[in-house]
Amino acid sequence: MKQLVSGNDAIFQGAIRAGARYFAGYPITPSSEIL
């Protein structure tokens, strides 16, 4: 089944499926919803 997701959600899901378990970022404007 196909899903329609935003670009940020697609990046997040791809990172999790690839094995990423840690994300480091600095919350500045403009920031990504991934933070």
C-alpha atoms as a PDB file:
ATOM      1  CA  MET A   1       0.000   0.000   0.000  1.00  0.00           C
ATOM      2  CA  LYS A   2       1.372   3.416  -0.947  1.00  0.00           C
ATOM      3  CA  GLN A   3       1.444   6.334   1.469  1.00  0.00           C
ATOM      4  CA  LEU A   4       1.468  10.031   0.731  1.00  0.00           C
ATOM      5  CA  VAL A   5       3.863  11.712   3.182  1.00  0.00           C
ATOM      6  CA  SER A   6       5.700  15.024   3.400  1.00  0.00           C
ATOM      7  CA  GLY A   7       9.353  15.321   2.435  1.00  0.00           C
ATOM      8  CA  ASN A   8      10.398  15.558   6.086  1.00  0.00           C
ATOM      9  CA  ASP A   9       8.473  12.391   6.960  1.00  0.00           C
ATOM     10  CA  ALA A  10      10.028  10.560   4.002  1.00  0.00           C
ATOM     11  CA  ILE A  11      13.557  11.530   5.110  1.00  0.00           C
ATOM     12  CA  PHE A  12      12.808  10.467   8.693  1.00  0.00           C
ATOM     13  CA  GLN A  13      11.332   7.108   7.687  1.00  0.00           C
ATOM     14  CA  GLY A  14      14.225   6.414   5.304  1.00  0.00           C
ATOM     15  CA  ALA A  15      16.794   7.193   8.007  1.00  0.00           C
ATOM     16  CA  ILE A  16      15.081   4.882  10.516  1.00  0.00           C
ATOM     17  CA  ARG A  17      14.811   2.054   7.971  1.00  0.00           C
ATOM     18  CA  ALA A  18      18.504   2.518   7.098  1.00  0.00           C
ATOM     19  CA  GLY A  19      19.459   2.007  10.745  1.00  0.00           C
ATOM     20  CA  ALA A  20      19.946   5.586  11.994  1.00  0.00           C
ATOM     21  CA  ARG A  21      19.325   5.796  15.724  1.00  0.00           C
ATOM     22  CA  TYR A  22      20.714   9.254  16.572  1.00  0.00           C
ATOM     23  CA  PHE A  23      20.195  12.739  15.169  1.00  0.00           C
ATOM     24  CA  ALA A  24      22.050  15.861  16.247  1.00  0.00           C
ATOM     25  CA  GLY A  25      20.883  19.312  15.276  1.00  0.00           C
ATOM     26  CA  TYR A  26      20.629  22.879  16.483  1.00  0.00           C
ATOM     27  CA  PRO A  27      17.090  24.328  16.631  1.00  0.00           C
ATOM     28  CA  ILE A  28      17.426  27.581  14.705  1.00  0.00           C
ATOM     29  CA  THR A  29      15.053  29.311  12.343  1.00  0.00           C
ATOM     30  CA  PRO A  30      14.276  27.997   9.806  1.00  0.00           C
ATOM     31  CA  SER A  31      14.417  24.500  11.221  1.00  0.00           C
ATOM     32  CA  SER A  32      13.209  21.163   9.929  1.00  0.00           C
ATOM     33  CA  GLU A  33      10.209  19.355  11.420  1.00  0.00           C
ATOM     34  CA  ILE A  34      12.551  16.379  11.867  1.00  0.00           C
ATOM     35  CA  LEU A  35      14.098  18.094  14.891  1.00  0.00           C
END
